[in-house]
Amino acid sequence: MLAPAILKEAELRASFPGRLIQNDARFFYFQSYVDYDVVIDRNDWKRIQFVSIGNEQKLLAYFEARINRESLIVEDLLVLNFWGTKLALQQTKDLFHFVFYLFSARGIRKIYLRFIKDNPAGRQYERFILRTAKCGSIQGILTDYVILADGKAYDLVIMDILRDPYLEWYRSCAPHPAT
């Protein structure tokens, strides 16, 4: 189930530090240090923040869209899975619904997604956008662009998700909230 992050603020604040110290979460921030705090905005002017909630109200994933209001473009889409690198079925469905919500209810025209090339989750996004939904493209790869806390330089992949192709795919075959 998808819900506004503010409804789970206390649980997010408690869960974030423990998740970010796990090795596979090192790709979440594109910086050489780890920020263990999550700031939940009181409005959605700059960011739209949602969570994926499973059975028994268990926190599954955090989704954040950073918005440029003038252009109605999401300049960055962040996803943090609280249970490993691969999104499970419920988190995947909720991510699909979150992107649908951004396009259909919020009038977003395009979404940019950035990820570290070596990130296994990034490869999942790439495969989905390019092959499954065919709703976007790779805009560029910045070589050795990001230095993470491990001191290594990583390539940054920038992709876009386009509104009309995504909505067409979503309406034709995506798992809908009733499923």
C-alpha atoms as a PDB file:
ATOM      1  CA  MET A   1       0.000   0.000   0.000  1.00  0.00           C
ATOM      2  CA  LEU A   2       1.234   3.480  -0.862  1.00  0.00           C
ATOM      3  CA  ALA A   3       0.915   6.221   1.769  1.00  0.00           C
ATOM      4  CA  PRO A   4       2.260   9.742   2.358  1.00  0.00           C
ATOM      5  CA  ALA A   5       5.585   9.529   4.211  1.00  0.00           C
ATOM      6  CA  ILE A   6       4.442  12.003   6.851  1.00  0.00           C
ATOM      7  CA  LEU A   7       2.074   9.328   8.185  1.00  0.00           C
ATOM      8  CA  LYS A   8       5.094   7.113   8.941  1.00  0.00           C
ATOM      9  CA  GLU A   9       7.553   9.847   9.969  1.00  0.00           C
ATOM     10  CA  ALA A  10       8.488   8.343  13.343  1.00  0.00           C
ATOM     11  CA  GLU A  11       9.056   4.896  11.837  1.00  0.00           C
ATOM     12  CA  LEU A  12      11.083   6.377   8.957  1.00  0.00           C
ATOM     13  CA  ARG A  13      13.300   8.323  11.357  1.00  0.00           C
ATOM     14  CA  ALA A  14      13.873   5.150  13.383  1.00  0.00           C
ATOM     15  CA  SER A  15      14.537   2.919  10.352  1.00  0.00           C
ATOM     16  CA  PHE A  16      16.689   5.186   8.167  1.00  0.00           C
ATOM     17  CA  PRO A  17      19.989   5.017  10.107  1.00  0.00           C
ATOM     18  CA  GLY A  18      19.942   1.222  10.387  1.00  0.00           C
ATOM     19  CA  ARG A  19      19.200   0.827   6.696  1.00  0.00           C
ATOM     20  CA  LEU A  20      21.862   3.280   5.539  1.00  0.00           C
ATOM     21  CA  ILE A  21      24.699   1.488   7.350  1.00  0.00           C
ATOM     22  CA  GLN A  22      24.062  -1.653   5.312  1.00  0.00           C
ATOM     23  CA  ASN A  23      26.564  -2.037   2.471  1.00  0.00           C
ATOM     24  CA  ASP A  24      23.986  -2.300  -0.328  1.00  0.00           C
ATOM     25  CA  ALA A  25      22.493   1.085   0.690  1.00  0.00           C
ATOM     26  CA  ARG A  26      25.775   2.907   0.004  1.00  0.00           C
ATOM     27  CA  PHE A  27      24.419   3.940  -3.399  1.00  0.00           C
ATOM     28  CA  PHE A  28      21.409   5.818  -1.958  1.00  0.00           C
ATOM     29  CA  TYR A  29      23.214   9.118  -1.441  1.00  0.00           C
ATOM     30  CA  PHE A  30      25.432  10.514  -4.189  1.00  0.00           C
ATOM     31  CA  GLN A  31      28.007  11.890  -1.762  1.00  0.00           C
ATOM     32  CA  SER A  32      31.089  10.934   0.207  1.00  0.00           C
ATOM     33  CA  TYR A  33      29.308  10.887   3.563  1.00  0.00           C
ATOM     34  CA  VAL A  34      26.124   9.354   4.942  1.00  0.00           C
ATOM     35  CA  ASP A  35      23.298  11.563   6.195  1.00  0.00           C
ATOM     36  CA  TYR A  36      21.429   9.390   8.688  1.00  0.00           C
ATOM     37  CA  ASP A  37      18.445  11.686   8.969  1.00  0.00           C
ATOM     38  CA  VAL A  38      15.428  11.779   6.733  1.00  0.00           C
ATOM     39  CA  VAL A  39      13.668  15.122   6.513  1.00  0.00           C
ATOM     40  CA  ILE A  40       9.950  14.766   5.988  1.00  0.00           C
ATOM     41  CA  ASP A  41       8.543  17.968   4.570  1.00  0.00           C
ATOM     42  CA  ARG A  42       5.329  19.451   5.946  1.00  0.00           C
ATOM     43  CA  ASN A  43       4.201  20.292   2.419  1.00  0.00           C
ATOM     44  CA  ASP A  44       4.947  18.933  -1.027  1.00  0.00           C
ATOM     45  CA  TRP A  45       6.235  22.081  -2.738  1.00  0.00           C
ATOM     46  CA  LYS A  46       9.806  20.788  -3.254  1.00  0.00           C
ATOM     47  CA  ARG A  47       9.418  17.072  -2.663  1.00  0.00           C
ATOM     48  CA  ILE A  48       6.651  14.505  -2.797  1.00  0.00           C
ATOM     49  CA  GLN A  49       7.415  11.759  -0.298  1.00  0.00           C
ATOM     50  CA  PHE A  50       5.600   8.441   0.007  1.00  0.00           C
ATOM     51  CA  VAL A  51       6.227   5.058   1.612  1.00  0.00           C
ATOM     52  CA  SER A  52       5.368   1.517   0.673  1.00  0.00           C
ATOM     53  CA  ILE A  53       3.627  -0.259   3.545  1.00  0.00           C
ATOM     54  CA  GLY A  54       3.176  -4.009   3.740  1.00  0.00           C
ATOM     55  CA  ASN A  55       1.226  -6.368   5.955  1.00  0.00           C
ATOM     56  CA  GLU A  56       0.821  -5.289   9.566  1.00  0.00           C
ATOM     57  CA  GLN A  57       1.816  -1.722   8.562  1.00  0.00           C
ATOM     58  CA  LYS A  58       5.443  -2.789   7.999  1.00  0.00           C
ATOM     59  CA  LEU A  59       7.580  -0.136   6.281  1.00  0.00           C
ATOM     60  CA  LEU A  60       8.870  -1.573   2.988  1.00  0.00           C
ATOM     61  CA  ALA A  61      10.295   1.330   0.948  1.00  0.00           C
ATOM     62  CA  TYR A  62      10.645   5.113   0.784  1.00  0.00           C
ATOM     63  CA  PHE A  63       9.974   7.088  -2.405  1.00  0.00           C
ATOM     64  CA  GLU A  64      10.874  10.734  -2.942  1.00  0.00           C
ATOM     65  CA  ALA A  65      10.339  12.930  -6.002  1.00  0.00           C
ATOM     66  CA  ARG A  66      12.256  16.225  -6.060  1.00  0.00           C
ATOM     67  CA  ILE A  67      10.241  18.642  -8.155  1.00  0.00           C
ATOM     68  CA  ASN A  68      10.995  21.664 -10.293  1.00  0.00           C
ATOM     69  CA  ARG A  69       7.587  23.362 -10.089  1.00  0.00           C
ATOM     70  CA  GLU A  70       8.243  25.795 -12.920  1.00  0.00           C
ATOM     71  CA  SER A  71       8.842  23.011 -15.453  1.00  0.00           C
ATOM     72  CA  LEU A  72       6.730  20.300 -13.772  1.00  0.00           C
ATOM     73  CA  ILE A  73       9.674  17.942 -14.001  1.00  0.00           C
ATOM     74  CA  VAL A  74      10.872  15.586 -11.302  1.00  0.00           C
ATOM     75  CA  GLU A  75      14.592  16.324 -11.221  1.00  0.00           C
ATOM     76  CA  ASP A  76      15.389  13.273  -9.139  1.00  0.00           C
ATOM     77  CA  LEU A  77      13.491  10.185  -8.044  1.00  0.00           C
ATOM     78  CA  LEU A  78      14.866   8.467  -4.943  1.00  0.00           C
ATOM     79  CA  VAL A  79      13.962   4.947  -3.840  1.00  0.00           C
ATOM     80  CA  LEU A  80      15.170   3.264  -0.660  1.00  0.00           C
ATOM     81  CA  ASN A  81      14.110  -0.321  -0.111  1.00  0.00           C
ATOM     82  CA  PHE A  82      14.197  -1.289   3.554  1.00  0.00           C
ATOM     83  CA  TRP A  83      14.605  -5.004   2.828  1.00  0.00           C
ATOM     84  CA  GLY A  84      17.643  -5.484   0.583  1.00  0.00           C
ATOM     85  CA  THR A  85      18.629  -4.476  -2.927  1.00  0.00           C
ATOM     86  CA  LYS A  86      15.798  -6.024  -4.920  1.00  0.00           C
ATOM     87  CA  LEU A  87      12.336  -4.574  -4.722  1.00  0.00           C
ATOM     88  CA  ALA A  88       9.814  -7.247  -3.801  1.00  0.00           C
ATOM     89  CA  LEU A  89       6.429  -7.453  -5.492  1.00  0.00           C
ATOM     90  CA  GLN A  90       4.623  -5.030  -3.157  1.00  0.00           C
ATOM     91  CA  GLN A  91       7.364  -2.373  -3.286  1.00  0.00           C
ATOM     92  CA  THR A  92       7.511  -2.692  -7.082  1.00  0.00           C
ATOM     93  CA  LYS A  93       3.747  -2.240  -7.399  1.00  0.00           C
ATOM     94  CA  ASP A  94       3.882   0.756  -5.085  1.00  0.00           C
ATOM     95  CA  LEU A  95       6.716   2.315  -7.089  1.00  0.00           C
ATOM     96  CA  PHE A  96       4.633   1.899 -10.275  1.00  0.00           C
ATOM     97  CA  HIS A  97       1.680   3.560  -8.502  1.00  0.00           C
ATOM     98  CA  PHE A  98       3.869   6.380  -7.189  1.00  0.00           C
ATOM     99  CA  VAL A  99       5.126   7.198 -10.694  1.00  0.00           C
ATOM    100  CA  PHE A 100       1.540   6.974 -12.003  1.00  0.00           C
ATOM    101  CA  TYR A 101       0.422   9.357  -9.240  1.00  0.00           C
ATOM    102  CA  LEU A 102       3.152  11.852 -10.162  1.00  0.00           C
ATOM    103  CA  PHE A 103       2.113  11.857 -13.820  1.00  0.00           C
ATOM    104  CA  SER A 104      -1.669  11.610 -13.483  1.00  0.00           C
ATOM    105  CA  ALA A 105      -2.568  13.443 -10.272  1.00  0.00           C
ATOM    106  CA  ARG A 106       0.296  15.942 -10.039  1.00  0.00           C
ATOM    107  CA  GLY A 107       0.702  16.844 -13.703  1.00  0.00           C
ATOM    108  CA  ILE A 108       4.401  15.959 -13.878  1.00  0.00           C
ATOM    109  CA  ARG A 109       5.658  15.992 -17.482  1.00  0.00           C
ATOM    110  CA  LYS A 110       8.900  14.022 -17.122  1.00  0.00           C
ATOM    111  CA  ILE A 111      10.888  12.258 -14.417  1.00  0.00           C
ATOM    112  CA  TYR A 112      14.658  12.094 -14.212  1.00  0.00           C
ATOM    113  CA  LEU A 113      16.165   9.169 -12.374  1.00  0.00           C
ATOM    114  CA  ARG A 114      19.836   9.074 -11.404  1.00  0.00           C
ATOM    115  CA  PHE A 115      21.672   6.031 -10.124  1.00  0.00           C
ATOM    116  CA  ILE A 116      25.189   4.749  -9.639  1.00  0.00           C
ATOM    117  CA  LYS A 117      26.061   2.442 -12.541  1.00  0.00           C
ATOM    118  CA  ASP A 118      27.261  -0.323 -10.171  1.00  0.00           C
ATOM    119  CA  ASN A 119      24.009  -0.253  -8.177  1.00  0.00           C
ATOM    120  CA  PRO A 120      22.033  -3.500  -8.669  1.00  0.00           C
ATOM    121  CA  ALA A 121      18.767  -1.600  -8.132  1.00  0.00           C
ATOM    122  CA  GLY A 122      19.770   0.823 -10.885  1.00  0.00           C
ATOM    123  CA  ARG A 123      20.081  -2.050 -13.304  1.00  0.00           C
ATOM    124  CA  GLN A 124      16.516  -3.059 -12.409  1.00  0.00           C
ATOM    125  CA  TYR A 125      15.266   0.469 -13.188  1.00  0.00           C
ATOM    126  CA  GLU A 126      17.198   0.535 -16.449  1.00  0.00           C
ATOM    127  CA  ARG A 127      15.787  -2.811 -17.554  1.00  0.00           C
ATOM    128  CA  PHE A 128      12.240  -1.714 -16.675  1.00  0.00           C
ATOM    129  CA  ILE A 129      12.420   1.698 -18.392  1.00  0.00           C
ATOM    130  CA  LEU A 130      14.174   0.535 -21.560  1.00  0.00           C
ATOM    131  CA  ARG A 131      12.780  -2.959 -22.116  1.00  0.00           C
ATOM    132  CA  THR A 132       9.581  -3.561 -20.183  1.00  0.00           C
ATOM    133  CA  ALA A 133       7.645  -0.298 -20.324  1.00  0.00           C
ATOM    134  CA  LYS A 134       9.698   1.339 -23.090  1.00  0.00           C
ATOM    135  CA  CYS A 135       8.908   4.688 -21.494  1.00  0.00           C
ATOM    136  CA  GLY A 136      12.247   6.484 -21.396  1.00  0.00           C
ATOM    137  CA  SER A 137      15.906   6.496 -22.277  1.00  0.00           C
ATOM    138  CA  ILE A 138      19.413   6.926 -20.968  1.00  0.00           C
ATOM    139  CA  GLN A 139      20.179  10.643 -21.121  1.00  0.00           C
ATOM    140  CA  GLY A 140      23.820  10.241 -20.244  1.00  0.00           C
ATOM    141  CA  ILE A 141      26.521   8.566 -18.188  1.00  0.00           C
ATOM    142  CA  LEU A 142      28.886  10.770 -16.232  1.00  0.00           C
ATOM    143  CA  THR A 143      32.151   8.865 -15.803  1.00  0.00           C
ATOM    144  CA  ASP A 144      33.783   8.822 -12.346  1.00  0.00           C
ATOM    145  CA  TYR A 145      31.312  11.531 -11.308  1.00  0.00           C
ATOM    146  CA  VAL A 146      30.442  10.484  -7.763  1.00  0.00           C
ATOM    147  CA  ILE A 147      32.786   9.656  -4.907  1.00  0.00           C
ATOM    148  CA  LEU A 148      31.053   7.684  -2.189  1.00  0.00           C
ATOM    149  CA  ALA A 149      31.985   7.126   1.445  1.00  0.00           C
ATOM    150  CA  ASP A 150      34.205   4.191   0.403  1.00  0.00           C
ATOM    151  CA  GLY A 151      36.446   6.721  -1.407  1.00  0.00           C
ATOM    152  CA  LYS A 152      35.854   5.184  -4.830  1.00  0.00           C
ATOM    153  CA  ALA A 153      34.674   7.074  -7.918  1.00  0.00           C
ATOM    154  CA  TYR A 154      31.545   5.774  -9.641  1.00  0.00           C
ATOM    155  CA  ASP A 155      29.764   6.477 -12.905  1.00  0.00           C
ATOM    156  CA  LEU A 156      26.388   8.211 -12.649  1.00  0.00           C
ATOM    157  CA  VAL A 157      23.604   7.157 -15.038  1.00  0.00           C
ATOM    158  CA  ILE A 158      20.855   9.652 -15.846  1.00  0.00           C
ATOM    159  CA  MET A 159      17.605   8.331 -17.302  1.00  0.00           C
ATOM    160  CA  ASP A 160      14.257   9.856 -18.018  1.00  0.00           C
ATOM    161  CA  ILE A 161      10.748   8.469 -17.748  1.00  0.00           C
ATOM    162  CA  LEU A 162       8.319  10.051 -20.191  1.00  0.00           C
ATOM    163  CA  ARG A 163       4.723  10.745 -19.211  1.00  0.00           C
ATOM    164  CA  ASP A 164       2.699   9.476 -22.191  1.00  0.00           C
ATOM    165  CA  PRO A 165       4.564   6.194 -22.804  1.00  0.00           C
ATOM    166  CA  TYR A 166       4.521   5.431 -19.069  1.00  0.00           C
ATOM    167  CA  LEU A 167       0.790   6.120 -18.710  1.00  0.00           C
ATOM    168  CA  GLU A 168       0.065   3.981 -21.767  1.00  0.00           C
ATOM    169  CA  TRP A 169       2.102   1.110 -20.317  1.00  0.00           C
ATOM    170  CA  TYR A 170       0.601   1.515 -16.843  1.00  0.00           C
ATOM    171  CA  ARG A 171      -2.972   1.509 -18.052  1.00  0.00           C
ATOM    172  CA  SER A 172      -2.395  -1.519 -20.270  1.00  0.00           C
ATOM    173  CA  CYS A 173      -0.588  -3.909 -17.968  1.00  0.00           C
ATOM    174  CA  ALA A 174       0.706  -2.550 -14.664  1.00  0.00           C
ATOM    175  CA  PRO A 175      -0.579  -4.094 -11.436  1.00  0.00           C
ATOM    176  CA  HIS A 176      -3.246  -1.730 -10.143  1.00  0.00           C
ATOM    177  CA  PRO A 177      -3.982  -0.952  -6.474  1.00  0.00           C
ATOM    178  CA  ALA A 178      -6.813  -3.459  -6.330  1.00  0.00           C
ATOM    179  CA  THR A 179      -4.418  -6.318  -7.151  1.00  0.00           C
END
